């Protein structure tokens, strides 16, 4: 099952996103050597809900938009989780995105 393997690889990267930082679907895909698979990373994050070990709330789109927020329970859970880590979100957009962005290609070996 290559899809399951890809999802597990996505989860492995997501688990390493530091508290108070975010990354993008595309950055994870690029790190995994599948640069055109950002949407599949999104599917993996959506499939991870219910697993508290995977901080899917820290994965956003390339512009810092909370595009996956409707997959979280409650009306603003994704935003609330990010704000509890000190990330400022206004109108579903992370403020100072470049300051809180974590690039696994630069951080992981």
N, C-alpha and C. Protein backbone atom coordinates (compact mmCIF):
# COMPACT_ATOMS: atom_id res chain seq x y z
N UNK A 1 0.83 -1.20 0.00
CA UNK A 1 0.00 0.00 0.00
C UNK A 1 0.87 1.25 0.00
N UNK A 2 1.23 1.76 -1.14
CA UNK A 2 2.11 2.94 -1.18
C UNK A 2 1.48 4.17 -0.55
N UNK A 3 0.15 4.32 -0.65
CA UNK A 3 -0.50 5.49 -0.05
C UNK A 3 -0.30 5.51 1.46
N UNK A 4 -0.52 4.37 2.11
CA UNK A 4 -0.34 4.29 3.55
C UNK A 4 1.10 4.64 3.92
N UNK A 5 2.06 4.12 3.16
CA UNK A 5 3.45 4.42 3.40
C UNK A 5 3.71 5.91 3.26
N UNK A 6 3.16 6.54 2.23
CA UNK A 6 3.34 7.98 2.03
C UNK A 6 2.73 8.74 3.21
N UNK A 7 1.54 8.34 3.64
CA UNK A 7 0.90 8.99 4.77
C UNK A 7 1.78 8.88 6.01
N UNK A 8 2.33 7.70 6.26
CA UNK A 8 3.19 7.49 7.43
C UNK A 8 4.43 8.38 7.34
N UNK A 9 4.96 8.53 6.15
CA UNK A 9 6.13 9.41 5.97
C UNK A 9 5.74 10.87 6.25
N UNK A 10 4.54 11.26 5.84
CA UNK A 10 4.04 12.61 6.14
C UNK A 10 3.92 12.80 7.65
N UNK A 11 3.39 11.80 8.31
CA UNK A 11 3.21 11.88 9.77
C UNK A 11 4.55 11.98 10.47
N UNK A 12 5.54 11.27 9.99
CA UNK A 12 6.87 11.30 10.58
C UNK A 12 7.44 12.72 10.54
N UNK A 13 7.24 13.41 9.43
CA UNK A 13 7.72 14.80 9.31
C UNK A 13 6.88 15.71 10.20
N UNK A 14 5.57 15.57 10.14
CA UNK A 14 4.68 16.45 10.92
C UNK A 14 4.98 16.37 12.41
N UNK A 15 5.32 15.20 12.89
CA UNK A 15 5.62 15.03 14.32
C UNK A 15 6.85 15.82 14.75
N UNK A 16 7.66 16.22 13.78
CA UNK A 16 8.89 16.96 14.10
C UNK A 16 8.74 18.48 14.00
N UNK A 17 7.56 18.94 13.59
CA UNK A 17 7.34 20.39 13.51
C UNK A 17 7.38 20.93 14.94
N UNK A 18 8.27 21.87 15.20
CA UNK A 18 8.38 22.39 16.57
C UNK A 18 7.13 23.14 17.04
N UNK A 19 6.90 23.09 18.32
CA UNK A 19 5.82 23.84 18.98
C UNK A 19 5.98 25.31 18.61
N UNK A 20 4.89 25.95 18.23
CA UNK A 20 4.93 27.37 17.89
C UNK A 20 5.43 27.66 16.48
N UNK A 21 5.56 26.63 15.65
CA UNK A 21 5.99 26.80 14.28
C UNK A 21 4.99 26.09 13.36
N UNK A 22 5.02 26.42 12.08
CA UNK A 22 4.15 25.78 11.09
C UNK A 22 4.97 25.46 9.85
N UNK A 23 4.43 24.55 9.05
CA UNK A 23 5.01 24.28 7.74
C UNK A 23 3.87 24.17 6.74
N UNK A 24 4.21 23.91 5.49
CA UNK A 24 3.17 23.82 4.46
C UNK A 24 3.09 22.40 3.92
N UNK A 25 1.96 22.13 3.29
CA UNK A 25 1.78 20.83 2.64
C UNK A 25 2.88 20.62 1.60
N UNK A 26 3.16 21.67 0.83
CA UNK A 26 4.16 21.59 -0.21
C UNK A 26 5.57 21.37 0.33
N UNK A 27 5.89 21.99 1.47
CA UNK A 27 7.23 21.81 2.05
C UNK A 27 7.43 20.37 2.50
N UNK A 28 6.39 19.76 3.04
CA UNK A 28 6.49 18.35 3.43
C UNK A 28 6.65 17.48 2.19
N UNK A 29 5.83 17.75 1.16
CA UNK A 29 5.91 16.98 -0.08
C UNK A 29 7.30 17.09 -0.69
N UNK A 30 7.83 18.29 -0.76
CA UNK A 30 9.16 18.50 -1.33
C UNK A 30 10.22 17.74 -0.53
N UNK A 31 10.14 17.81 0.79
CA UNK A 31 11.09 17.10 1.64
C UNK A 31 11.05 15.59 1.38
N UNK A 32 9.84 15.08 1.13
CA UNK A 32 9.67 13.64 0.89
C UNK A 32 10.02 13.23 -0.54
N UNK A 33 10.47 14.19 -1.36
CA UNK A 33 10.85 13.88 -2.72
C UNK A 33 9.67 13.75 -3.67
N UNK A 34 8.55 14.32 -3.27
CA UNK A 34 7.33 14.26 -4.08
C UNK A 34 6.75 15.66 -4.19
N UNK A 35 7.55 16.57 -4.73
CA UNK A 35 7.22 18.00 -4.73
C UNK A 35 5.83 18.34 -5.26
N UNK A 36 5.29 17.52 -6.14
CA UNK A 36 3.98 17.83 -6.72
C UNK A 36 2.84 17.15 -5.97
N UNK A 37 3.12 16.67 -4.78
CA UNK A 37 2.12 15.91 -4.02
C UNK A 37 1.60 16.64 -2.79
N UNK A 38 1.57 17.96 -2.82
CA UNK A 38 1.08 18.72 -1.68
C UNK A 38 -0.35 18.32 -1.31
N UNK A 39 -1.16 18.07 -2.31
CA UNK A 39 -2.56 17.69 -2.03
C UNK A 39 -2.62 16.36 -1.29
N UNK A 40 -1.73 15.42 -1.62
CA UNK A 40 -1.71 14.14 -0.91
C UNK A 40 -1.27 14.33 0.54
N UNK A 41 -0.38 15.28 0.77
CA UNK A 41 0.01 15.59 2.15
C UNK A 41 -1.22 16.11 2.89
N UNK A 42 -2.01 16.92 2.23
CA UNK A 42 -3.26 17.41 2.83
C UNK A 42 -4.20 16.26 3.16
N UNK A 43 -4.31 15.30 2.28
CA UNK A 43 -5.16 14.13 2.55
C UNK A 43 -4.63 13.36 3.75
N UNK A 44 -3.31 13.26 3.83
CA UNK A 44 -2.71 12.56 4.98
C UNK A 44 -3.03 13.29 6.28
N UNK A 45 -2.92 14.62 6.27
CA UNK A 45 -3.22 15.39 7.49
C UNK A 45 -4.70 15.23 7.85
N UNK A 46 -5.57 15.25 6.86
CA UNK A 46 -7.01 15.08 7.13
C UNK A 46 -7.28 13.69 7.72
N UNK A 47 -6.57 12.69 7.24
CA UNK A 47 -6.78 11.32 7.72
C UNK A 47 -6.22 11.11 9.12
N UNK A 48 -5.40 12.05 9.59
CA UNK A 48 -4.76 11.88 10.90
C UNK A 48 -5.61 12.37 12.07
N UNK A 49 -6.73 13.00 11.78
CA UNK A 49 -7.55 13.55 12.86
C UNK A 49 -7.97 12.45 13.82
N UNK A 50 -7.87 12.76 15.08
CA UNK A 50 -8.15 11.78 16.10
C UNK A 50 -6.87 11.19 16.68
N UNK A 51 -5.75 11.42 15.99
CA UNK A 51 -4.45 10.97 16.48
C UNK A 51 -3.72 12.19 17.04
N UNK A 52 -3.72 12.31 18.35
CA UNK A 52 -3.14 13.49 19.00
C UNK A 52 -1.62 13.57 18.86
N UNK A 53 -0.98 12.50 18.38
CA UNK A 53 0.47 12.51 18.21
C UNK A 53 0.89 13.27 16.96
N UNK A 54 -0.06 13.51 16.06
CA UNK A 54 0.25 14.18 14.79
C UNK A 54 -0.31 15.60 14.84
N UNK A 55 0.57 16.61 14.89
CA UNK A 55 0.11 18.00 14.98
C UNK A 55 -0.32 18.56 13.62
N UNK A 56 -1.39 18.01 13.07
CA UNK A 56 -1.86 18.42 11.75
C UNK A 56 -2.22 19.91 11.70
N UNK A 57 -2.54 20.49 12.86
CA UNK A 57 -2.89 21.92 12.89
C UNK A 57 -1.70 22.80 12.51
N UNK A 58 -0.50 22.27 12.55
CA UNK A 58 0.70 23.04 12.21
C UNK A 58 1.04 22.98 10.73
N UNK A 59 0.17 22.36 9.93
CA UNK A 59 0.41 22.26 8.49
C UNK A 59 -0.66 23.09 7.77
N UNK A 60 -0.19 24.08 7.02
CA UNK A 60 -1.08 25.04 6.35
C UNK A 60 -0.69 25.15 4.88
N UNK A 61 -1.39 25.99 4.13
CA UNK A 61 -1.01 26.12 2.72
C UNK A 61 0.21 27.03 2.57
N UNK A 62 0.70 27.16 1.36
CA UNK A 62 1.95 27.88 1.12
C UNK A 62 1.89 29.37 1.43
N UNK A 63 0.70 29.90 1.60
CA UNK A 63 0.54 31.31 1.92
C UNK A 63 0.21 31.54 3.39
N UNK A 64 0.16 30.46 4.16
CA UNK A 64 -0.15 30.59 5.58
C UNK A 64 -1.64 30.59 5.88
N UNK A 65 -2.45 30.17 4.92
CA UNK A 65 -3.89 30.09 5.13
C UNK A 65 -4.26 28.76 5.78
N UNK A 66 -5.23 28.79 6.68
CA UNK A 66 -5.69 27.59 7.36
C UNK A 66 -6.70 26.87 6.47
N UNK A 67 -6.24 26.37 5.35
CA UNK A 67 -7.15 25.74 4.38
C UNK A 67 -7.73 24.43 4.88
N UNK A 68 -7.10 23.79 5.85
CA UNK A 68 -7.61 22.53 6.38
C UNK A 68 -8.49 22.68 7.60
N UNK A 69 -8.84 23.92 7.94
CA UNK A 69 -9.56 24.17 9.21
C UNK A 69 -10.92 23.49 9.27
N UNK A 70 -11.58 23.29 8.14
CA UNK A 70 -12.91 22.68 8.18
C UNK A 70 -12.85 21.18 8.49
N UNK A 71 -11.65 20.61 8.54
CA UNK A 71 -11.50 19.19 8.89
C UNK A 71 -11.33 18.99 10.39
N UNK A 72 -11.24 20.08 11.13
CA UNK A 72 -11.11 20.00 12.58
C UNK A 72 -12.48 20.14 13.21
N UNK A 73 -12.69 19.44 14.33
CA UNK A 73 -13.97 19.56 15.03
C UNK A 73 -14.12 20.97 15.58
N UNK A 74 -15.34 21.43 15.69
CA UNK A 74 -15.59 22.77 16.21
C UNK A 74 -15.40 23.81 15.13
N UNK A 75 -15.75 25.02 15.44
CA UNK A 75 -15.69 26.06 14.42
C UNK A 75 -14.30 26.63 14.21
N UNK A 76 -13.50 26.71 15.26
CA UNK A 76 -12.18 27.35 15.14
C UNK A 76 -11.06 26.55 15.78
N UNK A 77 -11.20 25.23 15.86
CA UNK A 77 -10.22 24.44 16.61
C UNK A 77 -8.80 24.59 16.07
N UNK A 78 -8.62 24.55 14.76
CA UNK A 78 -7.28 24.68 14.20
C UNK A 78 -6.65 26.01 14.62
N UNK A 79 -7.40 27.07 14.49
CA UNK A 79 -6.91 28.40 14.87
C UNK A 79 -6.62 28.46 16.36
N UNK A 80 -7.49 27.89 17.18
CA UNK A 80 -7.30 27.91 18.63
C UNK A 80 -6.03 27.14 19.02
N UNK A 81 -5.79 26.01 18.37
CA UNK A 81 -4.58 25.24 18.67
C UNK A 81 -3.33 26.03 18.31
N UNK A 82 -3.35 26.68 17.16
CA UNK A 82 -2.21 27.49 16.75
C UNK A 82 -2.01 28.68 17.70
N UNK A 83 -3.09 29.35 18.05
CA UNK A 83 -2.98 30.50 18.95
C UNK A 83 -2.49 30.09 20.33
N UNK A 84 -2.85 28.87 20.77
CA UNK A 84 -2.37 28.40 22.07
C UNK A 84 -0.86 28.19 22.06
N UNK A 85 -0.28 28.11 20.86
CA UNK A 85 1.17 27.96 20.72
C UNK A 85 1.84 29.30 20.41
N UNK A 86 1.07 30.39 20.46
CA UNK A 86 1.63 31.72 20.26
C UNK A 86 1.61 32.21 18.83
N UNK A 87 0.98 31.48 17.93
CA UNK A 87 0.90 31.89 16.53
C UNK A 87 -0.32 32.81 16.36
N UNK A 88 -0.10 33.95 15.74
CA UNK A 88 -1.17 34.92 15.54
C UNK A 88 -1.88 34.62 14.22
N UNK A 89 -3.22 34.46 14.31
CA UNK A 89 -4.03 34.16 13.13
C UNK A 89 -5.13 35.21 13.02
N UNK A 90 -5.23 35.84 11.85
CA UNK A 90 -6.27 36.83 11.59
C UNK A 90 -6.97 36.43 10.29
N UNK A 91 -8.28 36.27 10.35
CA UNK A 91 -9.06 35.89 9.17
C UNK A 91 -8.48 34.64 8.49
N UNK A 92 -8.21 33.62 9.29
CA UNK A 92 -7.68 32.33 8.81
C UNK A 92 -6.31 32.44 8.14
N UNK A 93 -5.59 33.51 8.42
CA UNK A 93 -4.27 33.76 7.82
C UNK A 93 -3.25 33.93 8.95
N UNK A 94 -2.17 33.14 8.89
CA UNK A 94 -1.11 33.27 9.88
C UNK A 94 -0.37 34.57 9.62
N UNK A 95 -0.22 35.35 10.67
CA UNK A 95 0.52 36.60 10.58
C UNK A 95 2.01 36.29 10.78
N UNK A 96 2.88 37.09 10.19
CA UNK A 96 4.33 36.86 10.28
C UNK A 96 4.67 35.43 9.88
N UNK A 97 4.04 34.98 8.80
CA UNK A 97 4.18 33.59 8.35
C UNK A 97 5.65 33.20 8.17
N UNK A 98 6.45 34.05 7.55
CA UNK A 98 7.85 33.69 7.31
C UNK A 98 8.63 33.52 8.61
N UNK A 99 8.21 34.21 9.67
CA UNK A 99 8.90 34.11 10.96
C UNK A 99 8.61 32.79 11.68
N UNK A 100 7.43 32.22 11.46
CA UNK A 100 7.05 30.99 12.16
C UNK A 100 7.13 29.76 11.24
N UNK A 101 7.49 29.98 9.98
CA UNK A 101 7.56 28.88 9.02
C UNK A 101 8.76 27.99 9.32
N UNK A 102 8.51 26.68 9.33
CA UNK A 102 9.55 25.67 9.55
C UNK A 102 9.69 24.86 8.28
N UNK A 103 10.87 24.85 7.70
CA UNK A 103 11.11 24.13 6.45
C UNK A 103 11.84 22.83 6.77
N UNK A 104 11.17 21.68 6.62
CA UNK A 104 11.84 20.42 6.94
C UNK A 104 13.09 20.17 6.09
N UNK A 105 13.16 20.73 4.90
CA UNK A 105 14.34 20.53 4.04
C UNK A 105 15.58 21.17 4.64
N UNK A 106 15.38 22.21 5.45
CA UNK A 106 16.51 22.89 6.08
C UNK A 106 16.77 22.40 7.49
N UNK A 107 15.76 21.77 8.09
CA UNK A 107 15.85 21.39 9.50
C UNK A 107 16.14 19.91 9.74
N UNK A 108 15.69 19.05 8.82
CA UNK A 108 15.85 17.61 9.01
C UNK A 108 16.95 17.07 8.12
N UNK A 109 17.60 16.08 8.58
CA UNK A 109 18.66 15.46 7.78
C UNK A 109 18.21 14.10 7.29
